[in-house]
Protein backbone atom coordinates (compact mmCIF):
# COMPACT_ATOMS: atom_id res chain seq x y z
CA MET A 1 129.97 -22.35 44.50
CA THR A 2 131.57 -24.42 47.29
CA GLN A 3 130.00 -24.69 50.74
CA CYS A 4 131.89 -26.11 53.71
CA ALA A 5 130.28 -27.46 56.87
CA VAL A 6 131.54 -28.44 60.31
CA PHE A 7 131.30 -32.22 60.68
CA SER A 8 130.53 -32.07 64.40
CA LYS A 9 127.42 -30.01 63.63
CA ILE A 10 126.22 -32.50 61.04
CA ALA A 11 126.94 -35.43 63.35
CA ALA A 12 124.73 -33.96 66.10
CA ASN A 13 121.44 -35.56 65.09
CA ARG A 14 119.34 -33.56 67.51
CA SER A 15 120.15 -30.26 65.82
CA LEU A 16 120.65 -31.55 62.27
CA PRO A 17 117.33 -30.28 60.81
CA THR A 18 117.87 -26.79 62.21
CA TYR A 19 121.51 -26.74 61.14
CA CYS A 20 120.64 -27.85 57.60
CA GLU A 21 117.84 -25.29 57.36
CA ASN A 22 120.16 -22.45 58.37
CA LEU A 23 122.88 -23.70 56.03
CA LEU A 24 120.47 -23.87 53.09
CA ARG A 25 119.26 -20.36 53.88
CA LYS A 26 122.81 -19.04 53.58
CA ILE A 27 123.49 -20.98 50.37
CA ASN A 28 120.29 -19.73 48.77
CA PHE A 29 120.90 -16.13 49.80
CA LYS A 30 124.50 -16.16 48.53
CA ASN A 31 123.15 -17.34 45.17
CA SER A 32 120.82 -14.32 45.03
CA GLY A 33 117.84 -16.38 46.16
CA ILE A 34 115.00 -14.97 48.27
CA ASN A 35 114.43 -16.45 51.72
CA THR A 36 112.03 -13.92 53.21
CA LYS A 37 109.39 -11.53 51.97
CA VAL A 38 107.90 -9.13 54.46
CA ASN A 39 104.80 -7.18 53.51
CA LEU A 40 105.79 -3.59 54.18
CA ASN A 41 102.55 -2.19 52.77
CA GLU A 42 100.97 -2.03 56.23
CA ALA A 43 103.78 0.16 57.51
CA LEU A 44 103.93 2.25 54.34
CA LYS A 45 100.23 2.44 53.47
CA HIS A 46 99.97 6.15 54.31
CA LYS A 47 103.31 7.02 52.70
CA LYS A 48 103.40 4.79 49.61
CA SER A 49 101.86 5.90 46.34
CA GLN A 50 101.79 4.00 43.07
CA ASN A 51 105.02 5.62 41.89
CA ASP A 52 106.99 5.23 45.13
CA SER A 53 110.00 2.94 45.30
CA TYR A 54 111.74 2.45 48.64
CA MET A 55 115.37 1.49 49.27
CA PHE A 56 116.84 0.59 52.65
CA PHE A 57 120.43 1.03 53.80
CA GLY A 58 122.37 -0.23 56.81
CA ALA A 59 125.89 0.92 57.74
CA ASP A 60 128.44 0.18 60.46
CA VAL A 61 132.12 0.70 61.28
CA ILE A 62 134.27 -1.57 63.46
CA HIS A 63 137.63 -0.63 64.97
CA PRO A 64 140.53 -2.74 66.26
CA THR A 65 142.15 -1.74 69.55
CA ASN A 66 144.84 0.31 67.80
CA VAL A 67 143.98 1.44 64.28
CA THR A 68 147.02 1.49 61.97
CA ARG A 69 147.60 0.93 58.27
CA GLN A 70 148.10 -2.78 58.99
CA HIS A 71 145.02 -2.97 61.24
CA PRO A 72 142.44 -0.58 59.77
CA SER A 73 138.89 0.27 60.71
CA ILE A 74 136.36 -1.51 58.51
CA ALA A 75 133.21 0.21 57.23
CA ALA A 76 130.38 -1.71 55.57
CA VAL A 77 127.26 -0.38 53.82
CA VAL A 78 124.40 -2.68 52.79
CA GLY A 79 121.67 -1.66 50.35
CA SER A 80 118.44 -3.43 49.46
CA GLY A 81 117.85 -4.66 45.92
CA ASP A 82 114.05 -4.58 46.05
CA PRO A 83 111.34 -2.62 47.89
CA LEU A 84 110.64 -5.59 50.19
CA CYS A 85 114.28 -5.77 51.34
CA SER A 86 114.48 -9.44 50.26
CA THR A 87 117.79 -9.08 48.39
CA THR A 88 120.83 -6.99 49.29
CA ALA A 89 124.32 -6.07 48.17
CA VAL A 90 127.23 -4.83 50.27
CA ARG A 91 130.17 -2.48 49.83
CA VAL A 92 133.11 -2.54 52.25
CA CYS A 93 136.05 -0.20 52.73
CA ARG A 94 139.00 0.05 55.07
CA GLN A 95 139.94 3.30 56.83
CA TYR A 96 143.46 3.82 58.13
CA PRO A 97 145.62 6.71 59.33
CA LYS A 98 148.15 8.12 56.87
CA GLU A 99 150.59 8.32 59.78
CA GLY A 100 150.63 6.95 63.32
CA LYS A 101 147.42 5.47 64.66
CA CYS A 102 143.91 6.81 65.11
CA SER A 103 140.31 5.86 64.41
CA ILE A 104 137.50 7.90 62.88
CA GLU A 105 133.87 6.82 63.16
CA THR A 106 132.86 8.76 60.02
CA ILE A 107 132.57 6.57 56.90
CA LEU A 108 134.91 8.26 54.44
CA GLY A 109 133.92 6.18 51.41
CA LEU A 110 130.20 6.61 51.98
CA LYS A 111 129.54 8.66 48.83
CA ASP A 112 131.12 6.07 46.53
CA MET A 113 129.49 3.11 48.27
CA VAL A 114 126.01 4.66 48.27
CA GLU A 115 126.47 5.59 44.62
CA GLN A 116 127.34 1.99 43.70
CA LEU A 117 124.43 0.56 45.70
CA LEU A 118 121.95 2.97 44.12
CA TYR A 119 123.13 1.78 40.72
CA TYR A 120 122.70 -1.82 41.91
CA ASN A 121 119.13 -1.08 43.02
CA GLU A 122 118.34 0.57 39.69
CA GLN A 123 119.63 -2.46 37.78
CA ALA A 124 117.50 -4.80 39.89
CA ASN A 125 114.28 -2.76 39.74
CA LYS A 126 114.64 -0.88 36.44
CA VAL A 127 113.82 2.29 38.34
CA LEU A 128 115.65 4.45 40.87
CA PRO A 129 114.21 4.69 44.39
CA ASN A 130 112.54 7.96 45.32
CA LYS A 131 112.47 7.27 49.06
CA ILE A 132 115.45 6.07 51.09
CA VAL A 133 115.57 4.93 54.72
CA PHE A 134 119.12 4.77 56.11
CA TYR A 135 119.99 3.00 59.39
CA ARG A 136 123.41 3.89 60.84
CA ASP A 137 124.84 1.71 63.62
CA GLY A 138 127.38 2.39 66.33
CA VAL A 139 127.32 6.17 66.75
CA ASP A 140 127.32 7.86 70.16
CA ASP A 141 125.27 10.96 70.97
CA GLY A 142 128.34 13.19 70.85
CA GLN A 143 129.02 12.15 67.25
CA PHE A 144 125.62 13.03 65.80
CA GLY A 145 127.03 16.36 64.67
CA LYS A 146 129.62 14.55 62.53
CA LEU A 147 126.87 12.57 60.83
CA ILE A 148 125.05 15.79 59.98
CA ALA A 149 128.27 17.50 58.86
CA HIS A 150 129.83 14.66 56.84
CA GLU A 151 127.78 11.52 56.22
CA ILE A 152 124.42 13.01 55.25
CA PRO A 153 126.15 15.44 52.81
CA ALA A 154 128.10 12.46 51.41
CA ILE A 155 124.80 10.69 50.70
CA ARG A 156 123.52 13.82 48.96
CA GLN A 157 126.69 13.95 46.85
CA ALA A 158 125.90 10.41 45.70
CA PHE A 159 122.42 11.66 44.77
CA ASP A 160 124.05 14.39 42.65
CA VAL A 161 125.90 11.75 40.64
CA ILE A 162 122.98 9.35 40.16
CA TYR A 163 119.99 11.71 39.97
CA GLY A 164 121.64 14.92 38.75
CA THR A 165 122.43 18.10 40.63
CA ASP A 166 118.84 19.38 40.76
CA PRO A 167 117.70 18.73 44.37
CA SER A 168 114.08 18.44 43.22
CA ASN A 169 114.99 15.17 41.47
CA HIS A 170 116.63 13.68 44.56
CA PRO A 171 114.91 11.01 46.67
CA GLN A 172 113.56 11.85 50.10
CA LEU A 173 115.89 10.66 52.87
CA THR A 174 115.12 9.42 56.37
CA PHE A 175 118.25 8.81 58.47
CA LEU A 176 118.28 6.97 61.81
CA VAL A 177 120.98 5.94 64.26
CA VAL A 178 120.62 2.48 65.84
CA LYS A 179 122.06 1.78 69.28
CA LYS A 180 122.41 -1.72 70.70
CA HIS A 181 124.83 -0.96 73.52
CA HIS A 182 123.02 0.86 76.30
CA ASN A 183 121.96 0.05 79.85
CA THR A 184 118.20 0.54 79.55
CA ARG A 185 115.93 -2.45 80.19
CA TYR A 186 112.15 -2.66 80.35
CA PHE A 187 109.92 -5.13 82.16
CA HIS A 188 106.23 -5.95 82.19
CA TYR A 189 104.85 -5.76 85.75
CA ASN A 190 101.77 -7.74 86.77
CA ASP A 191 99.83 -5.91 89.49
CA LYS A 192 98.01 -9.04 90.58
CA THR A 193 100.89 -11.47 90.89
CA LYS A 194 103.52 -8.78 91.66
CA GLU A 195 105.80 -10.46 89.12
CA THR A 196 107.89 -9.02 86.32
CA LYS A 197 108.68 -10.54 82.95
CA ASN A 198 110.20 -9.49 79.65
CA ILE A 199 108.24 -7.00 77.59
CA SER A 200 106.40 -8.38 74.58
CA ILE A 201 107.90 -8.51 71.12
CA GLY A 202 106.90 -5.38 69.22
CA ALA A 203 106.72 -3.21 72.34
CA VAL A 204 107.69 0.45 71.83
CA VAL A 205 108.64 3.11 74.38
CA ASP A 206 108.59 6.61 72.89
CA THR A 207 107.24 8.92 75.61
CA THR A 208 108.05 10.13 79.14
CA ILE A 209 111.34 8.25 79.67
CA VAL A 210 113.01 9.07 76.36
CA HIS A 211 115.01 12.15 75.37
CA PRO A 212 113.06 15.34 76.21
CA TYR A 213 113.46 17.00 72.79
CA GLN A 214 115.20 14.58 70.41
CA ASN A 215 113.11 12.21 68.29
CA ASN A 216 114.00 8.76 69.60
CA PHE A 217 112.32 5.53 70.68
CA TYR A 218 113.06 2.08 72.08
CA LEU A 219 111.83 -0.94 70.13
CA ASN A 220 111.85 -4.52 71.36
CA SER A 221 111.67 -6.50 68.12
CA HIS A 222 112.85 -9.94 69.26
CA ASN A 223 112.25 -12.60 71.89
CA ALA A 224 114.93 -13.31 74.45
CA PHE A 225 115.74 -17.01 74.43
CA GLN A 226 117.52 -16.55 77.74
CA GLY A 227 117.77 -13.70 80.22
CA VAL A 228 116.48 -10.16 79.82
CA ASN A 229 115.34 -8.60 76.55
CA HIS A 230 117.57 -5.83 75.26
CA PRO A 231 115.52 -3.34 73.21
CA SER A 232 117.31 -1.27 70.58
CA LEU A 233 117.36 2.52 70.75
CA TYR A 234 116.66 4.53 67.58
CA HIS A 235 117.44 8.23 67.06
CA VAL A 236 115.77 9.93 64.09
CA ILE A 237 118.38 12.38 62.76
CA LEU A 238 116.55 13.39 59.56
CA ASP A 239 113.07 12.60 58.24
CA GLU A 240 112.33 14.13 54.83
CA ILE A 241 109.76 11.41 54.05
CA GLY A 242 107.61 12.67 56.92
CA PHE A 243 106.78 9.45 58.74
CA THR A 244 104.49 9.57 61.73
CA ALA A 245 105.97 7.99 64.86
CA ASP A 246 103.78 4.89 64.45
CA GLU A 247 104.67 4.47 60.77
CA LEU A 248 108.42 4.65 61.30
CA GLN A 249 108.31 2.35 64.31
CA LEU A 250 106.18 -0.21 62.46
CA LEU A 251 108.42 -0.07 59.39
CA THR A 252 111.52 -0.59 61.54
CA TYR A 253 109.82 -3.49 63.31
CA HIS A 254 108.93 -5.17 60.01
CA LEU A 255 112.51 -4.78 58.74
CA CYS A 256 113.69 -6.82 61.74
CA PHE A 257 111.97 -9.84 60.14
CA THR A 258 113.90 -9.67 56.84
CA ASP A 259 117.07 -11.49 57.91
CA PRO A 260 117.76 -14.16 55.25
CA ARG A 261 119.87 -16.16 57.71
CA SER A 262 117.10 -16.70 60.25
CA SER A 263 113.39 -17.46 60.41
CA ALA A 264 112.99 -15.36 63.57
CA SER A 265 113.04 -11.61 64.06
CA GLU A 266 116.17 -9.73 65.12
CA ALA A 267 116.99 -7.00 67.59
CA ILE A 268 117.84 -4.60 64.73
CA PRO A 269 116.81 -4.26 61.06
CA SER A 270 118.39 -6.90 58.85
CA VAL A 271 120.31 -4.39 56.71
CA VAL A 272 122.13 -3.20 59.83
CA HIS A 273 122.88 -6.74 61.01
CA GLN A 274 124.22 -7.63 57.57
CA ALA A 275 126.51 -4.58 57.67
CA ASP A 276 127.81 -5.74 61.08
CA ILE A 277 128.56 -9.22 59.70
CA ALA A 278 130.16 -7.87 56.52
CA ALA A 279 132.51 -5.59 58.47
CA LEU A 280 133.57 -8.40 60.79
CA LYS A 281 134.18 -10.91 58.00
CA ALA A 282 135.93 -8.41 55.73
CA ARG A 283 138.33 -7.44 58.50
CA ASP A 284 140.66 -10.37 57.83
CA LEU A 285 140.86 -9.51 54.13
CA PHE A 286 142.28 -6.09 54.91
CA TYR A 287 144.77 -7.03 57.62
CA ASP A 288 148.30 -7.50 56.29
CA ASP A 289 151.49 -8.95 57.71
CA GLY A 290 153.14 -5.60 58.33
CA SER A 291 154.91 -5.44 54.98
CA SER A 292 153.02 -2.28 54.02
CA SER A 293 154.84 0.94 54.69
CA ALA A 294 153.69 2.88 57.73
CA THR A 295 155.21 5.83 59.49
CA SER A 296 156.47 5.07 62.97
CA ILE A 297 158.61 6.68 65.60
CA GLY A 298 161.05 4.55 67.53
CA GLY A 299 159.66 1.46 65.78
CA ARG A 300 156.17 2.03 67.17
CA SER A 301 153.31 4.05 65.68
CA GLN A 302 152.33 7.04 67.80
CA PRO A 303 148.69 8.00 68.37
CA LEU A 304 147.55 11.19 66.67
CA GLN A 305 146.18 13.99 68.81
CA ASN A 306 142.77 15.33 67.70
CA PRO A 307 142.74 13.54 64.31
CA THR A 308 140.68 14.98 61.46
CA LEU A 309 139.29 13.43 58.30
CA ASP A 310 142.38 14.64 56.44
CA ASP A 311 144.53 12.37 58.62
CA VAL A 312 142.71 9.23 57.44
CA ASP A 313 142.66 7.51 54.06
CA TYR A 314 140.31 4.81 52.76
CA GLU A 315 140.14 2.04 50.18
CA ILE A 316 136.97 0.34 48.92
CA LEU A 317 137.22 -3.44 48.61
CA ASP A 318 137.29 -4.50 44.97
CA VAL A 319 135.64 -7.87 44.32
CA HIS A 320 135.09 -9.92 41.18
CA GLU A 321 132.34 -8.62 38.91
CA ASN A 322 130.36 -11.86 39.32
CA LEU A 323 130.29 -11.39 43.11
CA LYS A 324 129.91 -7.62 43.34
CA ASN A 325 126.16 -7.61 43.89
CA ARG A 326 125.92 -10.77 45.97
CA PRO A 327 125.93 -10.99 49.78
CA ILE A 328 129.40 -12.54 49.83
CA PHE A 329 129.90 -11.90 53.56
CA SER A 330 126.65 -13.47 54.77
């Protein structure tokens, strides 16, 4: 393994210890080392039996301004390698229109990627998980129907391959959507001093000012180093495990402490953040110089009207066998 560093960062003596600590964290994690272990038993104590094995997923899709064959959308799925979410592996695919230009938020290669990550988890633990918690990033309210129609069935198709076609042998699935980009902010108001300040880390808002009938909640899982805290919004799309509100919120909060790149908590669970990073870093690998064939009209690709899944193709990134189950994009 070769690790490069920016000389100006090393030369800055004031931040050298912090810089070296973060660099060593990344090196250790890329070599399948464990940087963090979070005790999830407190969050899972009412749901975990002796035979339970949990697996956690995070998924995200990023889009360029104009999606074409040369500039595709990038989808990344991260899966945990142990029940404590201390190790992970990632699968990445590109999604591009067969003709013209269009973008689809649905992850077309989800079945294959989930299948591969389940196999990775089985190899690491010598047992398949029987409970799966899946965090999906970057989906608007109007696209929830597409998740229910396409992505959740794709996950179940992966179960058919790994566990067999008998649904009674399949793991229980809890599926959440994570939203970082919204305009809601919360403040703590002091009646005596008449002052406001950021809400405390771990604060949850799940009543009165949330959706009237959907199962959603706001969770502030990090400290703001500057400015106003930005809590993340979670929508529970499916909950076969049967978490109580407190259990799912506490589990999500604990997963925000499992980032191997940082000693502090994050605004979102680490598996989601890792999927964000993987998609961004894999983007350059999939962009080409325009030599690939693409259909165009008048020398310029035309946008497709009302594109469907049949208008888009995908390709899963193939990496060397020695790197397949390592966090190569961290």
